[in-house]
Amino acid sequence: MLDTISTHLLDILQADPRLIQNGNAYTAPATTAWKGTRRPDNGTDAAAAGYVNLFDSPFEKAPFTHRPAIYLGDEVMDAMDKLIRPAINSSNGRRIEYRCLLIPLVVVVAVQGGNKAAAAHQRNQLRSNIKLILLDHLSEPGYWYKQTVPGLSGGGIAIERVSATATGAGGQDIAEGMCRIPVEIEYSYSNTSPA
């Protein structure tokens, strides 16, 4: 189900025009606004600057041309899948599992010129767009019965983290804004579930 659910999650984001809404809203000129979406890992698109690049793979350091980007997973984990409770299907006597999948969506934007405030604004805009889209998909028949974006995880670790950094000097100066958005998806798994 991990492949099925994570692919569907990116499909939802890519299909919604709100994902690129107000892209680069804080950067002049307006012609630099986000142009659309790309899926570089599907073999038909190439990552490009100015497009929201949706990667079906975990975060990796990449050049400016790969930004903005959304990754499925971070450096530590692609996803975490845990059993909530097992049950027995009353119609066929087989086991069914109610499970919780945690997928960290990693959002990275980059701004030339090293302006960390502009990078933070773009990160916040894309983060907000993602959360607005996900609010319309709390339940997805055939995929999940409950989706949430929690604020904190156990162990005292803030699961939603944001940061902005700058590197380089002069014309090579790049500022990046980054955040991790945890997406918890509760779903049922049985002997007829896809991969």
Protein backbone atom coordinates (compact mmCIF):
# COMPACT_ATOMS: atom_id res chain seq x y z
CA MET A 1 0.00 0.00 0.00
CA LEU A 2 2.96 2.35 0.48
CA ASP A 3 3.45 2.80 -3.28
CA THR A 4 -0.29 3.10 -3.92
CA ILE A 5 -0.86 5.67 -1.18
CA SER A 6 2.27 7.77 -1.76
CA THR A 7 1.67 7.93 -5.52
CA HIS A 8 -1.93 8.95 -4.94
CA LEU A 9 -0.82 11.63 -2.48
CA LEU A 10 1.44 13.21 -5.13
CA ASP A 11 -1.29 12.79 -7.78
CA ILE A 12 -3.66 14.81 -5.56
CA LEU A 13 -1.11 17.60 -5.15
CA GLN A 14 -0.22 17.69 -8.85
CA ALA A 15 -3.83 17.77 -10.03
CA ASP A 16 -4.85 20.71 -7.83
CA PRO A 17 -4.17 24.17 -9.35
CA ARG A 18 -3.91 25.61 -5.82
CA LEU A 19 -0.47 24.00 -5.47
CA ILE A 20 1.14 26.76 -7.57
CA GLN A 21 -1.19 29.53 -6.39
CA ASN A 22 0.67 32.73 -5.44
CA GLY A 23 3.98 31.13 -6.38
CA ASN A 24 6.85 33.54 -5.78
CA ALA A 25 4.28 36.03 -4.48
CA TYR A 26 6.96 37.87 -2.59
CA THR A 27 9.49 38.09 -5.42
CA ALA A 28 9.55 40.63 -8.23
CA PRO A 29 8.97 40.42 -11.11
CA ALA A 30 5.61 38.62 -11.22
CA THR A 31 6.75 36.76 -14.36
CA THR A 32 8.85 34.51 -12.13
CA ALA A 33 5.73 32.91 -10.59
CA TRP A 34 5.56 29.11 -10.48
CA LYS A 35 4.63 27.88 -13.95
CA GLY A 36 3.18 24.47 -13.18
CA THR A 37 4.18 21.05 -11.83
CA ARG A 38 6.60 18.33 -12.91
CA ARG A 39 7.12 14.69 -11.85
CA PRO A 40 10.84 14.04 -12.58
CA ASP A 41 10.84 10.50 -11.16
CA ASN A 42 8.18 9.28 -13.60
CA GLY A 43 10.66 9.23 -16.51
CA THR A 44 8.83 11.69 -18.74
CA ASP A 45 9.46 15.04 -17.00
CA ALA A 46 12.75 16.74 -16.23
CA ALA A 47 13.08 18.85 -13.09
CA ALA A 48 13.03 22.56 -13.87
CA ALA A 49 13.35 25.79 -11.91
CA GLY A 50 10.07 27.67 -11.61
CA TYR A 51 7.99 24.48 -11.63
CA VAL A 52 6.93 22.69 -8.46
CA ASN A 53 8.87 19.44 -8.88
CA LEU A 54 7.16 16.49 -7.18
CA PHE A 55 9.64 13.69 -6.48
CA ASP A 56 8.47 10.12 -5.77
CA SER A 57 11.66 9.68 -3.73
CA PRO A 58 13.22 10.96 -0.49
CA PHE A 59 14.85 14.38 -0.14
CA GLU A 60 18.28 14.90 -1.61
CA LYS A 61 20.49 17.92 -2.06
CA ALA A 62 19.96 19.19 -5.58
CA PRO A 63 20.80 22.18 -7.76
CA PHE A 64 18.73 25.34 -8.04
CA THR A 65 17.09 23.93 -11.19
CA HIS A 66 15.31 21.31 -9.06
CA ARG A 67 13.53 23.92 -6.93
CA PRO A 68 10.88 24.33 -5.70
CA ALA A 69 10.47 20.67 -4.84
CA ILE A 70 8.33 18.30 -2.79
CA TYR A 71 9.88 14.99 -1.76
CA LEU A 72 8.29 11.86 -0.27
CA GLY A 73 10.45 11.30 2.78
CA ASP A 74 13.58 12.84 4.21
CA GLU A 75 17.17 11.83 4.96
CA VAL A 76 16.07 9.72 7.93
CA MET A 77 13.03 7.85 6.60
CA ASP A 78 10.89 7.44 3.51
CA ALA A 79 7.84 6.54 5.59
CA MET A 80 6.85 4.80 8.79
CA ASP A 81 4.08 2.19 8.73
CA LYS A 82 2.68 0.88 12.00
CA LEU A 83 -0.11 -1.46 13.01
CA ILE A 84 -2.97 0.22 14.86
CA ARG A 85 -5.05 -2.91 15.45
CA PRO A 86 -5.75 -6.23 13.76
CA ALA A 87 -9.26 -7.51 13.11
CA ILE A 88 -11.03 -10.40 11.43
CA ASN A 89 -13.14 -9.83 8.32
CA SER A 90 -16.54 -11.27 9.27
CA SER A 91 -17.44 -12.14 5.66
CA ASN A 92 -14.43 -14.33 4.86
CA GLY A 93 -12.69 -14.96 8.21
CA ARG A 94 -9.39 -13.46 7.02
CA ARG A 95 -7.28 -11.01 8.95
CA ILE A 96 -7.53 -7.32 8.17
CA GLU A 97 -5.16 -4.72 9.61
CA TYR A 98 -5.86 -1.11 10.43
CA ARG A 99 -2.55 0.69 9.91
CA CYS A 100 -1.10 4.20 10.15
CA LEU A 101 1.37 5.43 7.54
CA LEU A 102 3.49 8.50 8.33
CA ILE A 103 4.99 10.19 5.27
CA PRO A 104 7.12 13.29 5.79
CA LEU A 105 6.63 15.62 2.83
CA VAL A 106 9.83 17.64 2.44
CA VAL A 107 9.31 21.04 0.80
CA VAL A 108 12.34 22.96 -0.52
CA VAL A 109 12.37 26.29 -2.34
CA ALA A 110 15.36 28.33 -3.55
CA VAL A 111 15.85 32.00 -4.29
CA GLN A 112 18.81 33.47 -6.16
CA GLY A 113 20.41 36.44 -4.47
CA GLY A 114 20.60 34.89 -1.01
CA ASN A 115 17.47 36.56 0.36
CA LYS A 116 16.47 34.24 3.23
CA ALA A 117 13.28 36.20 3.90
CA ALA A 118 12.12 35.68 0.29
CA ALA A 119 12.96 31.96 0.55
CA ALA A 120 11.01 31.72 3.81
CA HIS A 121 8.00 33.48 2.25
CA GLN A 122 7.98 31.08 -0.72
CA ARG A 123 8.37 28.08 1.58
CA ASN A 124 5.46 29.30 3.70
CA GLN A 125 3.29 29.85 0.62
CA LEU A 126 3.95 26.35 -0.77
CA ARG A 127 3.49 24.84 2.71
CA SER A 128 0.14 26.61 3.05
CA ASN A 129 -0.96 25.51 -0.43
CA ILE A 130 -0.18 21.86 0.39
CA LYS A 131 -2.08 21.98 3.67
CA LEU A 132 -5.13 23.60 2.02
CA ILE A 133 -5.21 20.86 -0.62
CA LEU A 134 -4.88 18.09 1.97
CA LEU A 135 -7.83 19.48 3.94
CA ASP A 136 -10.04 18.46 1.02
CA HIS A 137 -8.75 14.88 1.11
CA LEU A 138 -9.21 13.74 4.70
CA SER A 139 -10.79 10.57 3.35
CA GLU A 140 -9.99 8.96 -0.01
CA PRO A 141 -12.15 5.91 -0.82
CA GLY A 142 -9.97 3.03 -1.97
CA TYR A 143 -6.86 4.60 -0.44
CA TRP A 144 -7.39 5.81 3.14
CA TYR A 145 -10.15 6.44 5.63
CA LYS A 146 -8.43 9.15 7.68
CA GLN A 147 -5.67 11.63 6.83
CA THR A 148 -4.25 14.19 9.24
CA VAL A 149 -1.31 16.59 9.45
CA PRO A 150 -0.20 16.37 13.09
CA GLY A 151 1.80 19.06 14.84
CA LEU A 152 4.05 17.01 17.11
CA SER A 153 5.34 13.47 17.42
CA GLY A 154 6.42 11.54 20.46
CA GLY A 155 9.87 11.77 21.97
CA GLY A 156 9.76 15.55 22.21
CA ILE A 157 10.66 15.98 18.52
CA ALA A 158 8.73 18.67 16.67
CA ILE A 159 7.72 16.80 13.55
CA GLU A 160 6.91 19.87 11.46
CA ARG A 161 10.17 21.78 11.11
CA VAL A 162 10.97 24.86 9.07
CA SER A 163 14.30 26.52 8.23
CA ALA A 164 15.92 28.97 5.83
CA THR A 165 19.62 29.09 4.90
CA ALA A 166 21.86 30.92 2.45
CA THR A 167 25.08 29.83 0.66
CA GLY A 168 27.51 31.30 -1.83
CA ALA A 169 28.42 34.89 -2.52
CA GLY A 170 27.77 37.48 -5.21
CA GLY A 171 25.82 36.21 -8.22
CA GLN A 172 26.04 32.61 -6.94
CA ASP A 173 24.20 33.42 -3.71
CA ILE A 174 21.27 31.03 -3.13
CA ALA A 175 18.84 31.07 -0.22
CA GLU A 176 16.78 27.95 0.51
CA GLY A 177 13.63 27.60 2.54
CA MET A 178 12.75 24.11 3.75
CA CYS A 179 10.07 22.41 5.82
CA ARG A 180 8.88 18.93 6.65
CA ILE A 181 5.14 18.36 6.73
CA PRO A 182 4.10 15.11 8.40
CA VAL A 183 1.15 13.40 6.75
CA GLU A 184 -0.50 10.61 8.74
CA ILE A 185 -2.72 8.29 6.76
CA GLU A 186 -4.80 5.58 8.39
CA TYR A 187 -5.82 2.78 6.04
CA SER A 188 -6.95 -0.82 6.06
CA TYR A 189 -4.77 -3.64 4.72
CA SER A 190 -5.85 -7.14 3.74
CA ASN A 191 -4.86 -10.02 1.46
CA THR A 192 -6.37 -8.15 -1.51
CA SER A 193 -4.55 -4.81 -0.97
CA PRO A 194 -2.14 -3.51 -3.66
CA ALA A 195 1.58 -2.88 -3.02
